[in-house]
Amino acid sequence: MSNSNQDTAKRDYDEVVDIIAKDPKFHAIVKRKQRYSLTLLALTLGLYLIIILASSFARDLVATPIGANMVTTWGIPAGFFLIVWTVGLIALYVNRTNKEFDTLNKELLEEVTHEKFK
């Protein structure tokens, strides 16, 4: 690709980026994605905080054996649940991002490039 073609492609790319950055649909998508991400973050951090506080202030609860004559305490399943919870939220986030937000971004990009290059 010659330098003039590269310059033209870069200019077109920059124009598309500018158009998308000014589009209200793009800002709506970003806002929805941020709200979704922050909700999942709050759920995860809240659960971590509950388990940390329980291990600090309710040691009897966390250190209680699951059953009679058992060594395993309730802290072990709580820790496993936390790991499963986190992996589940990550899967939920990736699934929704790939299906919803990426589709919206692709539609916006096609709309902008179609208008610019028609």
PDB file of N, CA and C in Angstrom:
ATOM      1  N   MET A   1       0.860  -1.180   0.000  1.00  0.00           N
ATOM      2  CA  MET A   1       0.000   0.000   0.000  1.00  0.00           C
ATOM      3  C   MET A   1       0.897   1.231   0.000  1.00  0.00           C
ATOM      4  N   SER A   2       0.617   2.158  -0.898  1.00  0.00           N
ATOM      5  CA  SER A   2       1.452   3.359  -0.980  1.00  0.00           C
ATOM      6  C   SER A   2       1.136   4.298   0.172  1.00  0.00           C
ATOM      7  N   ASN A   3       2.016   5.286   0.313  1.00  0.00           N
ATOM      8  CA  ASN A   3       1.848   6.241   1.420  1.00  0.00           C
ATOM      9  C   ASN A   3       0.557   7.044   1.315  1.00  0.00           C
ATOM     10  N   SER A   4       0.183   7.419   0.079  1.00  0.00           N
ATOM     11  CA  SER A   4      -1.057   8.208  -0.074  1.00  0.00           C
ATOM     12  C   SER A   4      -2.278   7.362   0.270  1.00  0.00           C
ATOM     13  N   ASN A   5      -2.240   6.085  -0.094  1.00  0.00           N
ATOM     14  CA  ASN A   5      -3.359   5.199   0.276  1.00  0.00           C
ATOM     15  C   ASN A   5      -3.419   4.989   1.785  1.00  0.00           C
ATOM     16  N   GLN A   6      -2.243   4.878   2.413  1.00  0.00           N
ATOM     17  CA  GLN A   6      -2.205   4.733   3.867  1.00  0.00           C
ATOM     18  C   GLN A   6      -2.727   5.994   4.551  1.00  0.00           C
ATOM     19  N   ASP A   7      -2.345   7.155   4.019  1.00  0.00           N
ATOM     20  CA  ASP A   7      -2.830   8.417   4.607  1.00  0.00           C
ATOM     21  C   ASP A   7      -4.344   8.531   4.470  1.00  0.00           C
ATOM     22  N   THR A   8      -4.869   8.152   3.300  1.00  0.00           N
ATOM     23  CA  THR A   8      -6.315   8.202   3.089  1.00  0.00           C
ATOM     24  C   THR A   8      -7.035   7.241   4.024  1.00  0.00           C
ATOM     25  N   ALA A   9      -6.497   6.039   4.159  1.00  0.00           N
ATOM     26  CA  ALA A   9      -7.116   5.047   5.047  1.00  0.00           C
ATOM     27  C   ALA A   9      -7.086   5.533   6.492  1.00  0.00           C
ATOM     28  N   LYS A  10      -5.982   6.139   6.905  1.00  0.00           N
ATOM     29  CA  LYS A  10      -5.876   6.654   8.279  1.00  0.00           C
ATOM     30  C   LYS A  10      -6.859   7.800   8.496  1.00  0.00           C
ATOM     31  N   ARG A  11      -6.994   8.677   7.507  1.00  0.00           N
ATOM     32  CA  ARG A  11      -7.953   9.798   7.612  1.00  0.00           C
ATOM     33  C   ARG A  11      -9.381   9.268   7.717  1.00  0.00           C
ATOM     34  N   ASP A  12      -9.709   8.285   6.873  1.00  0.00           N
ATOM     35  CA  ASP A  12     -11.051   7.687   6.928  1.00  0.00           C
ATOM     36  C   ASP A  12     -11.297   7.045   8.279  1.00  0.00           C
ATOM     37  N   TYR A  13     -10.289   6.331   8.764  1.00  0.00           N
ATOM     38  CA  TYR A  13     -10.407   5.668  10.063  1.00  0.00           C
ATOM     39  C   TYR A  13     -10.633   6.703  11.163  1.00  0.00           C
ATOM     40  N   ASP A  14      -9.832   7.778  11.141  1.00  0.00           N
ATOM     41  CA  ASP A  14      -9.972   8.831  12.156  1.00  0.00           C
ATOM     42  C   ASP A  14     -11.352   9.489  12.091  1.00  0.00           C
ATOM     43  N   GLU A  15     -11.854   9.693  10.869  1.00  0.00           N
ATOM     44  CA  GLU A  15     -13.183  10.297  10.722  1.00  0.00           C
ATOM     45  C   GLU A  15     -14.266   9.381  11.293  1.00  0.00           C
ATOM     46  N   VAL A  16     -14.150   8.088  11.004  1.00  0.00           N
ATOM     47  CA  VAL A  16     -15.134   7.130  11.533  1.00  0.00           C
ATOM     48  C   VAL A  16     -15.080   7.127  13.058  1.00  0.00           C
ATOM     49  N   VAL A  17     -13.878   7.144  13.618  1.00  0.00           N
ATOM     50  CA  VAL A  17     -13.738   7.163  15.080  1.00  0.00           C
ATOM     51  C   VAL A  17     -14.368   8.418  15.656  1.00  0.00           C
ATOM     52  N   ASP A  18     -14.133   9.568  15.011  1.00  0.00           N
ATOM     53  CA  ASP A  18     -14.725  10.819  15.488  1.00  0.00           C
ATOM     54  C   ASP A  18     -16.252  10.785  15.424  1.00  0.00           C
ATOM     55  N   ILE A  19     -16.783  10.255  14.319  1.00  0.00           N
ATOM     56  CA  ILE A  19     -18.244  10.177  14.162  1.00  0.00           C
ATOM     57  C   ILE A  19     -18.841   9.277  15.245  1.00  0.00           C
ATOM     58  N   ILE A  20     -18.203   8.140  15.468  1.00  0.00           N
ATOM     59  CA  ILE A  20     -18.710   7.212  16.492  1.00  0.00           C
ATOM     60  C   ILE A  20     -18.608   7.838  17.872  1.00  0.00           C
ATOM     61  N   ALA A  21     -17.509   8.525  18.161  1.00  0.00           N
ATOM     62  CA  ALA A  21     -17.324   9.135  19.483  1.00  0.00           C
ATOM     63  C   ALA A  21     -18.382  10.205  19.768  1.00  0.00           C
ATOM     64  N   LYS A  22     -18.902  10.831  18.711  1.00  0.00           N
ATOM     65  CA  LYS A  22     -19.918  11.873  18.899  1.00  0.00           C
ATOM     66  C   LYS A  22     -21.346  11.332  18.845  1.00  0.00           C
ATOM     67  N   ASP A  23     -21.500  10.083  18.461  1.00  0.00           N
ATOM     68  CA  ASP A  23     -22.840   9.501  18.298  1.00  0.00           C
ATOM     69  C   ASP A  23     -23.480   9.201  19.653  1.00  0.00           C
ATOM     70  N   PRO A  24     -24.709   9.663  19.871  1.00  0.00           N
ATOM     71  CA  PRO A  24     -25.383   9.394  21.151  1.00  0.00           C
ATOM     72  C   PRO A  24     -25.636   7.904  21.396  1.00  0.00           C
ATOM     73  N   LYS A  25     -25.779   7.119  20.318  1.00  0.00           N
ATOM     74  CA  LYS A  25     -25.973   5.668  20.490  1.00  0.00           C
ATOM     75  C   LYS A  25     -24.744   5.040  21.132  1.00  0.00           C
ATOM     76  N   PHE A  26     -23.554   5.508  20.727  1.00  0.00           N
ATOM     77  CA  PHE A  26     -22.320   4.978  21.296  1.00  0.00           C
ATOM     78  C   PHE A  26     -22.261   5.271  22.797  1.00  0.00           C
ATOM     79  N   HIS A  27     -22.620   6.493  23.168  1.00  0.00           N
ATOM     80  CA  HIS A  27     -22.602   6.859  24.586  1.00  0.00           C
ATOM     81  C   HIS A  27     -23.629   6.053  25.371  1.00  0.00           C
ATOM     82  N   ALA A  28     -24.771   5.759  24.754  1.00  0.00           N
ATOM     83  CA  ALA A  28     -25.787   4.934  25.423  1.00  0.00           C
ATOM     84  C   ALA A  28     -25.277   3.507  25.634  1.00  0.00           C
ATOM     85  N   ILE A  29     -24.583   2.972  24.626  1.00  0.00           N
ATOM     86  CA  ILE A  29     -24.020   1.620  24.751  1.00  0.00           C
ATOM     87  C   ILE A  29     -22.968   1.590  25.862  1.00  0.00           C
ATOM     88  N   VAL A  30     -22.105   2.582  25.876  1.00  0.00           N
ATOM     89  CA  VAL A  30     -21.053   2.638  26.903  1.00  0.00           C
ATOM     90  C   VAL A  30     -21.670   2.746  28.294  1.00  0.00           C
ATOM     91  N   LYS A  31     -22.697   3.578  28.423  1.00  0.00           N
ATOM     92  CA  LYS A  31     -23.348   3.756  29.729  1.00  0.00           C
ATOM     93  C   LYS A  31     -23.992   2.442  30.199  1.00  0.00           C
ATOM     94  N   ARG A  32     -24.696   1.757  29.290  1.00  0.00           N
ATOM     95  CA  ARG A  32     -25.325   0.472  29.652  1.00  0.00           C
ATOM     96  C   ARG A  32     -24.289  -0.565  30.062  1.00  0.00           C
ATOM     97  N   LYS A  33     -23.188  -0.615  29.310  1.00  0.00           N
ATOM     98  CA  LYS A  33     -22.143  -1.599  29.605  1.00  0.00           C
ATOM     99  C   LYS A  33     -21.479  -1.282  30.945  1.00  0.00           C
ATOM    100  N   GLN A  34     -21.238  -0.005  31.215  1.00  0.00           N
ATOM    101  CA  GLN A  34     -20.636   0.380  32.493  1.00  0.00           C
ATOM    102  C   GLN A  34     -21.567   0.058  33.660  1.00  0.00           C
ATOM    103  N   ARG A  35     -22.856   0.322  33.503  1.00  0.00           N
ATOM    104  CA  ARG A  35     -23.819   0.030  34.562  1.00  0.00           C
ATOM    105  C   ARG A  35     -23.861  -1.480  34.841  1.00  0.00           C
ATOM    106  N   TYR A  36     -23.866  -2.252  33.782  1.00  0.00           N
ATOM    107  CA  TYR A  36     -23.865  -3.711  33.916  1.00  0.00           C
ATOM    108  C   TYR A  36     -22.590  -4.191  34.617  1.00  0.00           C
ATOM    109  N   SER A  37     -21.448  -3.681  34.176  1.00  0.00           N
ATOM    110  CA  SER A  37     -20.167  -4.081  34.768  1.00  0.00           C
ATOM    111  C   SER A  37     -20.103  -3.698  36.239  1.00  0.00           C
ATOM    112  N   LEU A  38     -20.539  -2.503  36.568  1.00  0.00           N
ATOM    113  CA  LEU A  38     -20.478  -2.055  37.962  1.00  0.00           C
ATOM    114  C   LEU A  38     -21.431  -2.857  38.844  1.00  0.00           C
ATOM    115  N   THR A  39     -22.571  -3.262  38.303  1.00  0.00           N
ATOM    116  CA  THR A  39     -23.499  -4.101  39.078  1.00  0.00           C
ATOM    117  C   THR A  39     -22.856  -5.438  39.409  1.00  0.00           C
ATOM    118  N   LEU A  40     -22.250  -6.067  38.411  1.00  0.00           N
ATOM    119  CA  LEU A  40     -21.583  -7.351  38.657  1.00  0.00           C
ATOM    120  C   LEU A  40     -20.409  -7.176  39.614  1.00  0.00           C
ATOM    121  N   LEU A  41     -19.683  -6.073  39.486  1.00  0.00           N
ATOM    122  CA  LEU A  41     -18.557  -5.805  40.389  1.00  0.00           C
ATOM    123  C   LEU A  41     -19.048  -5.643  41.820  1.00  0.00           C
ATOM    124  N   ALA A  42     -20.137  -4.905  41.996  1.00  0.00           N
ATOM    125  CA  ALA A  42     -20.688  -4.701  43.337  1.00  0.00           C
ATOM    126  C   ALA A  42     -21.146  -6.021  43.955  1.00  0.00           C
ATOM    127  N   LEU A  43     -21.773  -6.877  43.134  1.00  0.00           N
ATOM    128  CA  LEU A  43     -22.196  -8.188  43.638  1.00  0.00           C
ATOM    129  C   LEU A  43     -21.000  -9.034  44.075  1.00  0.00           C
ATOM    130  N   THR A  44     -19.968  -9.024  43.276  1.00  0.00           N
ATOM    131  CA  THR A  44     -18.779  -9.819  43.604  1.00  0.00           C
ATOM    132  C   THR A  44     -18.068  -9.268  44.834  1.00  0.00           C
ATOM    133  N   LEU A  45     -17.809  -7.967  44.845  1.00  0.00           N
ATOM    134  CA  LEU A  45     -17.119  -7.376  45.987  1.00  0.00           C
ATOM    135  C   LEU A  45     -17.947  -7.491  47.262  1.00  0.00           C
ATOM    136  N   GLY A  46     -19.263  -7.364  47.125  1.00  0.00           N
ATOM    137  CA  GLY A  46     -20.127  -7.501  48.297  1.00  0.00           C
ATOM    138  C   GLY A  46     -20.012  -8.888  48.910  1.00  0.00           C
ATOM    139  N   LEU A  47     -19.996  -9.908  48.075  1.00  0.00           N
ATOM    140  CA  LEU A  47     -19.867 -11.269  48.589  1.00  0.00           C
ATOM    141  C   LEU A  47     -18.497 -11.510  49.209  1.00  0.00           C
ATOM    142  N   TYR A  48     -17.451 -11.015  48.553  1.00  0.00           N
ATOM    143  CA  TYR A  48     -16.108 -11.127  49.139  1.00  0.00           C
ATOM    144  C   TYR A  48     -16.072 -10.433  50.494  1.00  0.00           C
ATOM    145  N   LEU A  49     -16.653  -9.249  50.567  1.00  0.00           N
ATOM    146  CA  LEU A  49     -16.643  -8.486  51.818  1.00  0.00           C
ATOM    147  C   LEU A  49     -17.393  -9.235  52.913  1.00  0.00           C
ATOM    148  N   ILE A  50     -18.520  -9.836  52.563  1.00  0.00           N
ATOM    149  CA  ILE A  50     -19.295 -10.594  53.556  1.00  0.00           C
ATOM    150  C   ILE A  50     -18.463 -11.763  54.102  1.00  0.00           C
ATOM    151  N   ILE A  51     -17.789 -12.474  53.226  1.00  0.00           N
ATOM    152  CA  ILE A  51     -16.991 -13.620  53.685  1.00  0.00           C
ATOM    153  C   ILE A  51     -15.793 -13.161  54.514  1.00  0.00           C
ATOM    154  N   ILE A  52     -15.160 -12.082  54.108  1.00  0.00           N
ATOM    155  CA  ILE A  52     -14.029 -11.555  54.887  1.00  0.00           C
ATOM    156  C   ILE A  52     -14.503 -11.090  56.255  1.00  0.00           C
ATOM    157  N   LEU A  53     -15.621 -10.365  56.290  1.00  0.00           N
ATOM    158  CA  LEU A  53     -16.142  -9.898  57.582  1.00  0.00           C
ATOM    159  C   LEU A  53     -16.588 -11.067  58.451  1.00  0.00           C
ATOM    160  N   ALA A  54     -17.171 -12.085  57.832  1.00  0.00           N
ATOM    161  CA  ALA A  54     -17.598 -13.257  58.604  1.00  0.00           C
ATOM    162  C   ALA A  54     -16.402 -13.978  59.194  1.00  0.00           C
ATOM    163  N   SER A  55     -15.325 -14.078  58.432  1.00  0.00           N
ATOM    164  CA  SER A  55     -14.142 -14.765  58.973  1.00  0.00           C
ATOM    165  C   SER A  55     -13.464 -13.936  60.052  1.00  0.00           C
ATOM    166  N   SER A  56     -13.676 -12.627  60.025  1.00  0.00           N
ATOM    167  CA  SER A  56     -13.076 -11.762  61.046  1.00  0.00           C
ATOM    168  C   SER A  56     -13.928 -11.644  62.299  1.00  0.00           C
ATOM    169  N   PHE A  57     -15.229 -11.460  62.116  1.00  0.00           N
ATOM    170  CA  PHE A  57     -16.096 -11.143  63.257  1.00  0.00           C
ATOM    171  C   PHE A  57     -17.023 -12.282  63.668  1.00  0.00           C
ATOM    172  N   ALA A  58     -17.141 -13.301  62.840  1.00  0.00           N
ATOM    173  CA  ALA A  58     -17.996 -14.436  63.202  1.00  0.00           C
ATOM    174  C   ALA A  58     -17.200 -15.719  63.015  1.00  0.00           C
ATOM    175  N   ARG A  59     -16.091 -15.773  63.695  1.00  0.00           N
ATOM    176  CA  ARG A  59     -15.202 -16.937  63.532  1.00  0.00           C
ATOM    177  C   ARG A  59     -15.898 -18.240  63.901  1.00  0.00           C
ATOM    178  N   ASP A  60     -16.756 -18.177  64.901  1.00  0.00           N
ATOM    179  CA  ASP A  60     -17.458 -19.402  65.299  1.00  0.00           C
ATOM    180  C   ASP A  60     -18.297 -19.955  64.150  1.00  0.00           C
ATOM    181  N   LEU A  61     -18.920 -19.069  63.407  1.00  0.00           N
ATOM    182  CA  LEU A  61     -19.734 -19.506  62.273  1.00  0.00           C
ATOM    183  C   LEU A  61     -18.872 -20.119  61.170  1.00  0.00           C
ATOM    184  N   VAL A  62     -17.788 -19.464  60.824  1.00  0.00           N
ATOM    185  CA  VAL A  62     -16.921 -19.930  59.740  1.00  0.00           C
ATOM    186  C   VAL A  62     -16.130 -21.169  60.169  1.00  0.00           C
ATOM    187  N   ALA A  63     -15.767 -21.241  61.425  1.00  0.00           N
ATOM    188  CA  ALA A  63     -14.932 -22.345  61.918  1.00  0.00           C
ATOM    189  C   ALA A  63     -15.746 -23.543  62.409  1.00  0.00           C
ATOM    190  N   THR A  64     -17.065 -23.466  62.302  1.00  0.00           N
ATOM    191  CA  THR A  64     -17.910 -24.570  62.743  1.00  0.00           C
ATOM    192  C   THR A  64     -17.812 -25.733  61.762  1.00  0.00           C
ATOM    193  N   PRO A  65     -17.552 -26.939  62.248  1.00  0.00           N
ATOM    194  CA  PRO A  65     -17.515 -28.096  61.333  1.00  0.00           C
ATOM    195  C   PRO A  65     -18.871 -28.314  60.663  1.00  0.00           C
ATOM    196  N   ILE A  66     -18.815 -28.813  59.451  1.00  0.00           N
ATOM    197  CA  ILE A  66     -20.040 -29.043  58.681  1.00  0.00           C
ATOM    198  C   ILE A  66     -20.917 -30.090  59.354  1.00  0.00           C
ATOM    199  N   GLY A  67     -20.313 -31.113  59.895  1.00  0.00           N
ATOM    200  CA  GLY A  67     -21.060 -32.169  60.565  1.00  0.00           C
ATOM    201  C   GLY A  67     -20.295 -32.696  61.761  1.00  0.00           C
ATOM    202  N   ALA A  68     -20.947 -33.541  62.508  1.00  0.00           N
ATOM    203  CA  ALA A  68     -20.299 -34.134  63.673  1.00  0.00           C
ATOM    204  C   ALA A  68     -19.119 -34.995  63.233  1.00  0.00           C
ATOM    205  N   ASN A  69     -18.052 -34.896  63.956  1.00  0.00           N
ATOM    206  CA  ASN A  69     -16.822 -35.658  63.688  1.00  0.00           C
ATOM    207  C   ASN A  69     -16.213 -35.330  62.321  1.00  0.00           C
ATOM    208  N   MET A  70     -16.480 -34.123  61.815  1.00  0.00           N
ATOM    209  CA  MET A  70     -15.892 -33.717  60.530  1.00  0.00           C
ATOM    210  C   MET A  70     -14.866 -32.616  60.772  1.00  0.00           C
ATOM    211  N   VAL A  71     -13.839 -32.618  59.982  1.00  0.00           N
ATOM    212  CA  VAL A  71     -12.790 -31.608  60.099  1.00  0.00           C
ATOM    213  C   VAL A  71     -13.131 -30.378  59.250  1.00  0.00           C
ATOM    214  N   THR A  72     -13.825 -30.586  58.157  1.00  0.00           N
ATOM    215  CA  THR A  72     -14.144 -29.496  57.234  1.00  0.00           C
ATOM    216  C   THR A  72     -15.112 -28.516  57.883  1.00  0.00           C
ATOM    217  N   THR A  73     -14.769 -27.234  57.807  1.00  0.00           N
ATOM    218  CA  THR A  73     -15.625 -26.204  58.400  1.00  0.00           C
ATOM    219  C   THR A  73     -16.457 -25.525  57.317  1.00  0.00           C
ATOM    220  N   TRP A  74     -17.392 -24.687  57.738  1.00  0.00           N
ATOM    221  CA  TRP A  74     -18.255 -23.977  56.787  1.00  0.00           C
ATOM    222  C   TRP A  74     -17.485 -22.956  55.951  1.00  0.00           C
ATOM    223  N   GLY A  75     -16.292 -22.606  56.362  1.00  0.00           N
ATOM    224  CA  GLY A  75     -15.470 -21.677  55.577  1.00  0.00           C
ATOM    225  C   GLY A  75     -15.027 -22.271  54.251  1.00  0.00           C
ATOM    226  N   ILE A  76     -14.833 -23.580  54.210  1.00  0.00           N
ATOM    227  CA  ILE A  76     -14.379 -24.227  52.960  1.00  0.00           C
ATOM    228  C   ILE A  76     -15.469 -24.158  51.884  1.00  0.00           C
ATOM    229  N   PRO A  77     -16.713 -24.585  52.158  1.00  0.00           N
ATOM    230  CA  PRO A  77     -17.735 -24.447  51.102  1.00  0.00           C
ATOM    231  C   PRO A  77     -18.016 -22.991  50.762  1.00  0.00           C
ATOM    232  N   ALA A  78     -17.882 -22.102  51.746  1.00  0.00           N
ATOM    233  CA  ALA A  78     -18.077 -20.673  51.440  1.00  0.00           C
ATOM    234  C   ALA A  78     -17.024 -20.200  50.448  1.00  0.00           C
ATOM    235  N   GLY A  79     -15.772 -20.637  50.636  1.00  0.00           N
ATOM    236  CA  GLY A  79     -14.707 -20.266  49.705  1.00  0.00           C
ATOM    237  C   GLY A  79     -14.939 -20.849  48.320  1.00  0.00           C
ATOM    238  N   PHE A  80     -15.367 -22.107  48.266  1.00  0.00           N
ATOM    239  CA  PHE A  80     -15.674 -22.724  46.959  1.00  0.00           C
ATOM    240  C   PHE A  80     -16.843 -22.001  46.287  1.00  0.00           C
ATOM    241  N   PHE A  81     -17.863 -21.651  47.080  1.00  0.00           N
ATOM    242  CA  PHE A  81     -18.999 -20.928  46.511  1.00  0.00           C
ATOM    243  C   PHE A  81     -18.549 -19.588  45.939  1.00  0.00           C
ATOM    244  N   LEU A  82     -17.644 -18.934  46.624  1.00  0.00           N
ATOM    245  CA  LEU A  82     -17.142 -17.646  46.136  1.00  0.00           C
ATOM    246  C   LEU A  82     -16.439 -17.807  44.790  1.00  0.00           C
ATOM    247  N   ILE A  83     -15.664 -18.864  44.654  1.00  0.00           N
ATOM    248  CA  ILE A  83     -14.972 -19.114  43.382  1.00  0.00           C
ATOM    249  C   ILE A  83     -15.989 -19.416  42.284  1.00  0.00           C
ATOM    250  N   VAL A  84     -16.955 -20.281  42.584  1.00  0.00           N
ATOM    251  CA  VAL A  84     -17.980 -20.631  41.587  1.00  0.00           C
ATOM    252  C   VAL A  84     -18.795 -19.396  41.212  1.00  0.00           C
ATOM    253  N   TRP A  85     -19.138 -18.575  42.209  1.00  0.00           N
ATOM    254  CA  TRP A  85     -19.885 -17.331  41.985  1.00  0.00           C
ATOM    255  C   TRP A  85     -19.119 -16.411  41.024  1.00  0.00           C
ATOM    256  N   THR A  86     -17.835 -16.252  41.290  1.00  0.00           N
ATOM    257  CA  THR A  86     -17.023 -15.355  40.466  1.00  0.00           C
ATOM    258  C   THR A  86     -16.920 -15.873  39.032  1.00  0.00           C
ATOM    259  N   VAL A  87     -16.698 -17.161  38.878  1.00  0.00           N
ATOM    260  CA  VAL A  87     -16.611 -17.744  37.533  1.00  0.00           C
ATOM    261  C   VAL A  87     -17.959 -17.612  36.817  1.00  0.00           C
ATOM    262  N   GLY A  88     -19.059 -17.816  37.554  1.00  0.00           N
ATOM    263  CA  GLY A  88     -20.387 -17.666  36.960  1.00  0.00           C
ATOM    264  C   GLY A  88     -20.656 -16.240  36.492  1.00  0.00           C
ATOM    265  N   LEU A  89     -20.247 -15.268  37.293  1.00  0.00           N
ATOM    266  CA  LEU A  89     -20.455 -13.870  36.887  1.00  0.00           C
ATOM    267  C   LEU A  89     -19.590 -13.507  35.684  1.00  0.00           C
ATOM    268  N   ILE A  90     -18.390 -14.056  35.639  1.00  0.00           N
ATOM    269  CA  ILE A  90     -17.532 -13.807  34.471  1.00  0.00           C
ATOM    270  C   ILE A  90     -18.176 -14.395  33.218  1.00  0.00           C
ATOM    271  N   ALA A  91     -18.700 -15.598  33.334  1.00  0.00           N
ATOM    272  CA  ALA A  91     -19.369 -16.227  32.184  1.00  0.00           C
ATOM    273  C   ALA A  91     -20.587 -15.413  31.760  1.00  0.00           C
ATOM    274  N   LEU A  92     -21.344 -14.926  32.739  1.00  0.00           N
ATOM    275  CA  LEU A  92     -22.508 -14.096  32.438  1.00  0.00           C
ATOM    276  C   LEU A  92     -22.099 -12.811  31.721  1.00  0.00           C
ATOM    277  N   TYR A  93     -21.030 -12.185  32.223  1.00  0.00           N
ATOM    278  CA  TYR A  93     -20.539 -10.944  31.616  1.00  0.00           C
ATOM    279  C   TYR A  93     -20.081 -11.182  30.175  1.00  0.00           C
ATOM    280  N   VAL A  94     -19.287 -12.206  29.973  1.00  0.00           N
ATOM    281  CA  VAL A  94     -18.767 -12.479  28.627  1.00  0.00           C
ATOM    282  C   VAL A  94     -19.903 -12.822  27.675  1.00  0.00           C
ATOM    283  N   ASN A  95     -20.870 -13.615  28.145  1.00  0.00           N
ATOM    284  CA  ASN A  95     -21.996 -13.999  27.302  1.00  0.00           C
ATOM    285  C   ASN A  95     -22.803 -12.766  26.868  1.00  0.00           C
ATOM    286  N   ARG A  96     -23.147 -11.921  27.821  1.00  0.00           N
ATOM    287  CA  ARG A  96     -23.944 -10.740  27.472  1.00  0.00           C
ATOM    288  C   ARG A  96     -23.153  -9.762  26.608  1.00  0.00           C
ATOM    289  N   THR A  97     -21.866  -9.608  26.932  1.00  0.00           N
ATOM    290  CA  THR A  97     -21.041  -8.700  26.136  1.00  0.00           C
ATOM    291  C   THR A  97     -20.933  -9.180  24.699  1.00  0.00           C
ATOM    292  N   ASN A  98     -20.688 -10.471  24.520  1.00  0.00           N
ATOM    293  CA  ASN A  98     -20.550 -10.992  23.161  1.00  0.00           C
ATOM    294  C   ASN A  98     -21.860 -10.934  22.388  1.00  0.00           C
ATOM    295  N   LYS A  99     -22.975 -11.206  23.049  1.00  0.00           N
ATOM    296  CA  LYS A  99     -24.255 -11.258  22.335  1.00  0.00           C
ATOM    297  C   LYS A  99     -24.902  -9.892  22.170  1.00  0.00           C
ATOM    298  N   GLU A 100     -24.861  -9.084  23.188  1.00  0.00           N
ATOM    299  CA  GLU A 100     -25.593  -7.819  23.146  1.00  0.00           C
ATOM    300  C   GLU A 100     -24.714  -6.630  22.770  1.00  0.00           C
ATOM    301  N   PHE A 101     -23.680  -6.380  23.573  1.00  0.00           N
ATOM    302  CA  PHE A 101     -22.909  -5.154  23.371  1.00  0.00           C
ATOM    303  C   PHE A 101     -22.070  -5.194  22.100  1.00  0.00           C
ATOM    304  N   ASP A 102     -21.469  -6.345  21.796  1.00  0.00           N
ATOM    305  CA  ASP A 102     -20.696  -6.433  20.559  1.00  0.00           C
ATOM    306  C   ASP A 102     -21.599  -6.287  19.339  1.00  0.00           C
ATOM    307  N   THR A 103     -22.820  -6.828  19.415  1.00  0.00           N
ATOM    308  CA  THR A 103     -23.762  -6.681  18.307  1.00  0.00           C
ATOM    309  C   THR A 103     -24.149  -5.218  18.121  1.00  0.00           C
ATOM    310  N   LEU A 104     -24.415  -4.528  19.225  1.00  0.00           N
ATOM    311  CA  LEU A 104     -24.765  -3.110  19.130  1.00  0.00           C
ATOM    312  C   LEU A 104     -23.601  -2.300  18.562  1.00  0.00           C
ATOM    313  N   ASN A 105     -22.386  -2.611  19.003  1.00  0.00           N
ATOM    314  CA  ASN A 105     -21.214  -1.898  18.480  1.00  0.00           C
ATOM    315  C   ASN A 105     -21.031  -2.156  16.990  1.00  0.00           C
ATOM    316  N   LYS A 106     -21.243  -3.401  16.590  1.00  0.00           N
ATOM    317  CA  LYS A 106     -21.093  -3.745  15.174  1.00  0.00           C
ATOM    318  C   LYS A 106     -22.144  -3.022  14.331  1.00  0.00           C
ATOM    319  N   GLU A 107     -23.394  -2.983  14.834  1.00  0.00           N
ATOM    320  CA  GLU A 107     -24.458  -2.274  14.105  1.00  0.00           C
ATOM    321  C   GLU A 107     -24.138  -0.785  13.981  1.00  0.00           C
ATOM    322  N   LEU A 108     -23.630  -0.191  15.046  1.00  0.00           N
ATOM    323  CA  LEU A 108     -23.277   1.228  15.003  1.00  0.00           C
ATOM    324  C   LEU A 108     -22.154   1.474  14.010  1.00  0.00           C
ATOM    325  N   LEU A 109     -21.137   0.620  14.034  1.00  0.00           N
ATOM    326  CA  LEU A 109     -20.021   0.770  13.102  1.00  0.00           C
ATOM    327  C   LEU A 109     -20.495   0.636  11.664  1.00  0.00           C
ATOM    328  N   GLU A 110     -21.351  -0.333  11.379  1.00  0.00           N
ATOM    329  CA  GLU A 110     -21.869  -0.511  10.020  1.00  0.00           C
ATOM    330  C   GLU A 110     -22.709   0.684   9.598  1.00  0.00           C
ATOM    331  N   GLU A 111     -23.516   1.212  10.526  1.00  0.00           N
ATOM    332  CA  GLU A 111     -24.346   2.378  10.231  1.00  0.00           C
ATOM    333  C   GLU A 111     -23.482   3.593   9.887  1.00  0.00           C
ATOM    334  N   VAL A 112     -22.453   3.818  10.672  1.00  0.00           N
ATOM    335  CA  VAL A 112     -21.595   4.981  10.455  1.00  0.00           C
ATOM    336  C   VAL A 112     -20.791   4.825   9.172  1.00  0.00           C
ATOM    337  N   THR A 113     -20.207   3.656   8.963  1.00  0.00           N
ATOM    338  CA  THR A 113     -19.403   3.471   7.750  1.00  0.00           C
ATOM    339  C   THR A 113     -20.283   3.476   6.503  1.00  0.00           C
ATOM    340  N   HIS A 114     -21.514   2.961   6.616  1.00  0.00           N
ATOM    341  CA  HIS A 114     -22.417   2.989   5.463  1.00  0.00           C
ATOM    342  C   HIS A 114     -22.769   4.432   5.093  1.00  0.00           C
ATOM    343  N   GLU A 115     -23.031   5.266   6.097  1.00  0.00           N
ATOM    344  CA  GLU A 115     -23.358   6.676   5.817  1.00  0.00           C
ATOM    345  C   GLU A 115     -22.165   7.432   5.267  1.00  0.00           C
ATOM    346  N   LYS A 116     -20.970   7.125   5.794  1.00  0.00           N
ATOM    347  CA  LYS A 116     -19.785   7.874   5.364  1.00  0.00           C
ATOM    348  C   LYS A 116     -19.365   7.488   3.954  1.00  0.00           C
ATOM    349  N   PHE A 117     -19.457   6.205   3.617  1.00  0.00           N
ATOM    350  CA  PHE A 117     -18.914   5.741   2.335  1.00  0.00           C
ATOM    351  C   PHE A 117     -19.981   5.422   1.298  1.00  0.00           C
ATOM    352  N   LYS A 118     -21.191   5.951   1.418  1.00  0.00           N
ATOM    353  CA  LYS A 118     -22.209   5.654   0.409  1.00  0.00           C
ATOM    354  C   LYS A 118     -22.020   6.467  -0.835  1.00  0.00           C
TER     355      LYS A 118
END
